[in-house]
Amino acid sequence: MARKRCVLRWGAAVGLYWAACAAHVWRTGGLLALGLAWNMLLALLPLCFACAAGRCRLWAGRAALAVLWLLFLPNTFYMLTDLIHTPQNMEWVNPADWTVRHSENVSDWLLTLLLGTGAVLAVLLGLEAMRVFGVYCCAHWPRPAVWACGGTVLLLCGFGMYIGRFLRLNSWDILHPLALLRRVWVSMSAFQLQVTLLFAGAVFLLWLAYGALRPVDGEKQENKESDALLT
């Protein structure tokens, strides 16, 4: 019952976000909100893959779902970079009397909220997908292997955010590995390394905060889930 309530809450949150995106498109005729709705769909997939992997009994099926989980996981944190689309001139100082003024364009405020709440929701989906998959890994792997895998995932998420924002590549571009490697190789620079590490560090901080905010009862539930996976 608790799992069903959790699924319903995630579904309701994503559904309401899509409805808000549709409202922005209807109000402005712009297509940016459609892109945000699409990005939210991609952010939802890793959690679906993680849950499916925990229930799959076939080794090949679990391996395939794990690969899909890893390929789509950077999409959850990628929505943080969508904040660059925040409308300009939302607040300014009137030089005549030095009072702070704000935009009265409701569409701009709606877009600002879509960007902010979308980033938060997508990050939460990504962190939950990492937690669910981490429970499965802890049930089958030794702790050092889990930590090593976690560090690798953080770096790959940072790199995925970089190639998504700056190279405009997507998860399914892995279907053309040679072209993907060529684009990445040509773009290699100190900037690429620095931005990848910055993104990975941001994801790590979010993961630490997410773990700190989870109650003790949540840790007990994780132990129960791990025991269930082992049986």
Protein backbone atom coordinates (compact mmCIF):
# COMPACT_ATOMS: atom_id res chain seq x y z
CA MET A 1 0.00 0.00 0.00
CA ALA A 2 2.80 2.44 0.88
CA ARG A 3 4.51 1.75 -2.44
CA LYS A 4 1.29 2.43 -4.34
CA ARG A 5 0.80 5.73 -2.50
CA CYS A 6 4.37 6.71 -3.36
CA VAL A 7 3.81 5.93 -7.06
CA LEU A 8 0.57 7.91 -7.05
CA ARG A 9 2.27 10.92 -5.49
CA TRP A 10 5.09 10.91 -8.01
CA GLY A 11 2.57 10.49 -10.82
CA ALA A 12 0.42 13.32 -9.51
CA ALA A 13 3.41 15.66 -9.20
CA VAL A 14 4.59 14.96 -12.74
CA GLY A 15 1.04 15.16 -14.11
CA LEU A 16 0.46 18.56 -12.50
CA TYR A 17 3.77 19.76 -13.89
CA TRP A 18 2.75 18.70 -17.38
CA ALA A 19 -0.58 20.51 -16.93
CA ALA A 20 1.28 23.69 -15.94
CA CYS A 21 3.51 23.35 -19.01
CA ALA A 22 0.41 22.99 -21.20
CA ALA A 23 -1.06 26.13 -19.58
CA HIS A 24 2.08 28.10 -20.44
CA VAL A 25 1.99 26.91 -24.06
CA TRP A 26 -1.70 27.81 -24.30
CA ARG A 27 -1.11 31.24 -22.78
CA THR A 28 1.99 32.25 -24.75
CA GLY A 29 2.15 30.00 -27.79
CA GLY A 30 5.83 29.39 -27.03
CA LEU A 31 7.40 25.96 -27.22
CA LEU A 32 9.88 26.19 -24.35
CA ALA A 33 7.39 24.66 -21.91
CA LEU A 34 6.95 21.71 -24.28
CA GLY A 35 10.68 21.11 -23.99
CA LEU A 36 10.40 21.22 -20.20
CA ALA A 37 7.55 18.70 -20.28
CA TRP A 38 9.65 16.41 -22.48
CA ASN A 39 12.64 16.76 -20.14
CA MET A 40 10.40 15.84 -17.21
CA LEU A 41 9.34 12.66 -19.01
CA LEU A 42 13.01 11.74 -19.49
CA ALA A 43 13.62 12.51 -15.80
CA LEU A 44 10.86 10.10 -14.80
CA LEU A 45 12.31 7.13 -16.72
CA PRO A 46 15.33 6.35 -14.45
CA LEU A 47 13.05 5.80 -11.46
CA CYS A 48 10.88 3.49 -13.54
CA PHE A 49 13.96 1.54 -14.67
CA ALA A 50 15.28 1.30 -11.11
CA CYS A 51 11.98 -0.03 -9.76
CA ALA A 52 11.69 -2.51 -12.62
CA ALA A 53 15.26 -3.75 -12.08
CA GLY A 54 14.52 -4.50 -8.44
CA ARG A 55 11.58 -6.68 -9.42
CA CYS A 56 13.11 -8.41 -12.44
CA ARG A 57 14.20 -12.00 -11.82
CA LEU A 58 16.24 -12.50 -14.98
CA TRP A 59 19.89 -11.47 -14.82
CA ALA A 60 19.89 -10.26 -18.44
CA GLY A 61 16.79 -8.18 -17.79
CA ARG A 62 18.32 -6.56 -14.71
CA ALA A 63 21.50 -5.79 -16.63
CA ALA A 64 19.55 -4.17 -19.48
CA LEU A 65 17.48 -2.09 -17.05
CA ALA A 66 20.63 -1.03 -15.20
CA VAL A 67 22.17 0.21 -18.46
CA LEU A 68 19.00 2.14 -19.31
CA TRP A 69 18.93 3.57 -15.77
CA LEU A 70 22.49 4.83 -16.12
CA LEU A 71 21.93 6.25 -19.61
CA PHE A 72 18.87 8.26 -18.61
CA LEU A 73 19.90 9.26 -15.07
CA PRO A 74 21.77 12.43 -16.17
CA ASN A 75 18.47 13.71 -17.63
CA THR A 76 17.14 14.15 -14.09
CA PHE A 77 19.91 16.55 -13.07
CA TYR A 78 20.11 18.13 -16.53
CA MET A 79 16.98 20.14 -15.73
CA LEU A 80 19.08 22.21 -13.35
CA THR A 81 20.74 23.69 -16.42
CA ASP A 82 17.33 24.72 -17.80
CA LEU A 83 17.45 27.57 -15.28
CA ILE A 84 19.41 29.52 -17.90
CA HIS A 85 16.04 30.12 -19.60
CA THR A 86 14.77 32.21 -16.67
CA PRO A 87 13.22 35.39 -18.15
CA GLN A 88 15.27 38.54 -17.88
CA ASN A 89 14.20 41.75 -16.18
CA MET A 90 12.10 40.00 -13.54
CA GLU A 91 13.40 42.49 -10.95
CA TRP A 92 15.17 45.82 -11.22
CA VAL A 93 15.84 49.02 -9.32
CA ASN A 94 14.08 52.17 -10.48
CA PRO A 95 16.88 54.79 -10.76
CA ALA A 96 14.38 57.60 -10.14
CA ASP A 97 13.53 56.68 -6.56
CA TRP A 98 15.72 53.59 -5.96
CA THR A 99 12.70 51.38 -5.37
CA VAL A 100 12.73 47.70 -6.34
CA ARG A 101 10.32 46.90 -9.15
CA HIS A 102 9.15 43.53 -10.41
CA SER A 103 7.78 42.24 -13.67
CA GLU A 104 3.99 42.10 -13.90
CA ASN A 105 4.03 39.64 -16.79
CA VAL A 106 2.20 36.59 -15.43
CA SER A 107 3.54 34.39 -18.23
CA ASP A 108 7.11 35.20 -17.22
CA TRP A 109 6.35 34.31 -13.61
CA LEU A 110 4.73 31.07 -14.71
CA LEU A 111 7.81 30.19 -16.75
CA THR A 112 10.09 31.07 -13.83
CA LEU A 113 8.12 28.74 -11.57
CA LEU A 114 8.11 26.02 -14.21
CA LEU A 115 11.88 26.21 -14.42
CA GLY A 116 12.38 26.23 -10.65
CA THR A 117 9.86 23.56 -9.69
CA GLY A 118 10.85 21.48 -12.70
CA ALA A 119 14.48 21.46 -11.60
CA VAL A 120 13.51 20.51 -8.03
CA LEU A 121 11.10 17.77 -9.13
CA ALA A 122 13.53 16.30 -11.65
CA VAL A 123 16.37 16.28 -9.09
CA LEU A 124 14.12 14.52 -6.56
CA LEU A 125 13.22 11.93 -9.19
CA GLY A 126 16.91 11.39 -9.90
CA LEU A 127 17.87 11.10 -6.24
CA GLU A 128 15.04 8.65 -5.59
CA ALA A 129 16.13 6.62 -8.63
CA MET A 130 19.65 6.51 -7.19
CA ARG A 131 18.32 5.45 -3.79
CA VAL A 132 16.15 2.66 -5.21
CA PHE A 133 18.98 1.31 -7.33
CA GLY A 134 21.39 1.72 -4.43
CA VAL A 135 19.20 -0.49 -2.24
CA TYR A 136 19.45 -3.22 -4.86
CA CYS A 137 23.24 -2.81 -5.15
CA CYS A 138 23.73 -2.88 -1.37
CA ALA A 139 21.81 -6.15 -1.25
CA HIS A 140 24.12 -7.84 -3.76
CA TRP A 141 27.49 -6.05 -3.74
CA PRO A 142 30.09 -5.34 -1.02
CA ARG A 143 30.14 -1.81 0.34
CA PRO A 144 33.44 -0.75 -1.32
CA ALA A 145 32.05 -1.76 -4.70
CA VAL A 146 28.88 0.24 -4.05
CA TRP A 147 30.91 3.33 -3.11
CA ALA A 148 33.12 2.99 -6.20
CA CYS A 149 30.06 2.57 -8.38
CA GLY A 150 28.43 5.60 -6.74
CA GLY A 151 31.43 7.81 -7.44
CA THR A 152 31.50 6.67 -11.06
CA VAL A 153 27.79 7.40 -11.43
CA LEU A 154 28.29 10.93 -10.07
CA LEU A 155 31.04 11.64 -12.60
CA LEU A 156 28.97 10.19 -15.44
CA CYS A 157 26.01 12.34 -14.40
CA GLY A 158 28.21 15.43 -14.46
CA PHE A 159 29.58 14.46 -17.87
CA GLY A 160 26.09 13.67 -19.15
CA MET A 161 24.88 17.11 -18.07
CA TYR A 162 27.81 18.68 -19.90
CA ILE A 163 27.27 16.88 -23.20
CA GLY A 164 23.53 17.48 -22.96
CA ARG A 165 23.78 21.23 -22.41
CA PHE A 166 26.89 22.14 -24.42
CA LEU A 167 27.04 19.45 -27.12
CA ARG A 168 23.24 19.08 -27.36
CA LEU A 169 23.46 15.28 -27.29
CA ASN A 170 20.83 12.96 -25.84
CA SER A 171 20.75 9.56 -24.14
CA TRP A 172 19.81 7.78 -27.36
CA ASP A 173 22.89 9.15 -29.15
CA ILE A 174 24.65 6.15 -27.61
CA LEU A 175 23.13 4.24 -30.53
CA HIS A 176 25.78 6.00 -32.67
CA PRO A 177 28.85 5.45 -30.47
CA LEU A 178 31.49 6.46 -33.02
CA ALA A 179 29.83 9.79 -33.77
CA LEU A 180 29.32 10.34 -30.04
CA LEU A 181 32.96 9.65 -29.21
CA ARG A 182 34.08 11.90 -32.06
CA ARG A 183 32.00 14.83 -30.78
CA VAL A 184 33.25 14.33 -27.23
CA TRP A 185 36.88 14.01 -28.35
CA VAL A 186 36.73 17.21 -30.41
CA SER A 187 35.20 19.11 -27.48
CA MET A 188 37.77 17.95 -24.92
CA SER A 189 39.20 20.93 -23.04
CA ALA A 190 39.92 22.25 -19.57
CA PHE A 191 36.46 23.84 -19.62
CA GLN A 192 34.84 20.45 -20.22
CA LEU A 193 36.67 18.92 -17.28
CA GLN A 194 35.91 21.83 -14.96
CA VAL A 195 32.21 21.95 -15.81
CA THR A 196 31.89 18.16 -15.52
CA LEU A 197 33.44 18.26 -12.05
CA LEU A 198 31.22 21.20 -11.06
CA PHE A 199 28.09 19.37 -12.17
CA ALA A 200 29.21 16.14 -10.47
CA GLY A 201 29.96 18.05 -7.28
CA ALA A 202 26.51 19.64 -7.32
CA VAL A 203 24.88 16.22 -7.70
CA PHE A 204 27.01 14.90 -4.82
CA LEU A 205 25.91 17.75 -2.55
CA LEU A 206 22.28 17.12 -3.44
CA TRP A 207 22.74 13.41 -2.72
CA LEU A 208 24.25 14.18 0.69
CA ALA A 209 21.37 16.52 1.54
CA TYR A 210 18.81 13.98 0.34
CA GLY A 211 20.32 11.29 2.54
CA ALA A 212 20.44 13.63 5.55
CA LEU A 213 16.78 14.55 5.17
CA ARG A 214 15.56 10.95 5.06
CA PRO A 215 14.18 9.89 8.49
CA VAL A 216 15.45 6.94 10.46
CA ASP A 217 12.29 5.06 9.52
CA GLY A 218 13.33 5.43 5.91
CA GLU A 219 16.63 3.70 6.67
CA LYS A 220 14.75 0.86 8.35
CA GLN A 221 12.58 0.55 5.28
CA GLU A 222 15.69 0.36 3.09
CA ASN A 223 16.99 -2.50 5.22
CA LYS A 224 13.69 -4.31 4.80
CA GLU A 225 13.87 -3.80 1.03
CA SER A 226 17.42 -5.12 0.95
CA ASP A 227 16.37 -8.22 2.93
CA ALA A 228 13.48 -8.75 0.52
CA LEU A 229 15.82 -8.61 -2.46
CA LEU A 230 18.13 -11.18 -0.88
CA THR A 231 15.35 -13.70 -0.33
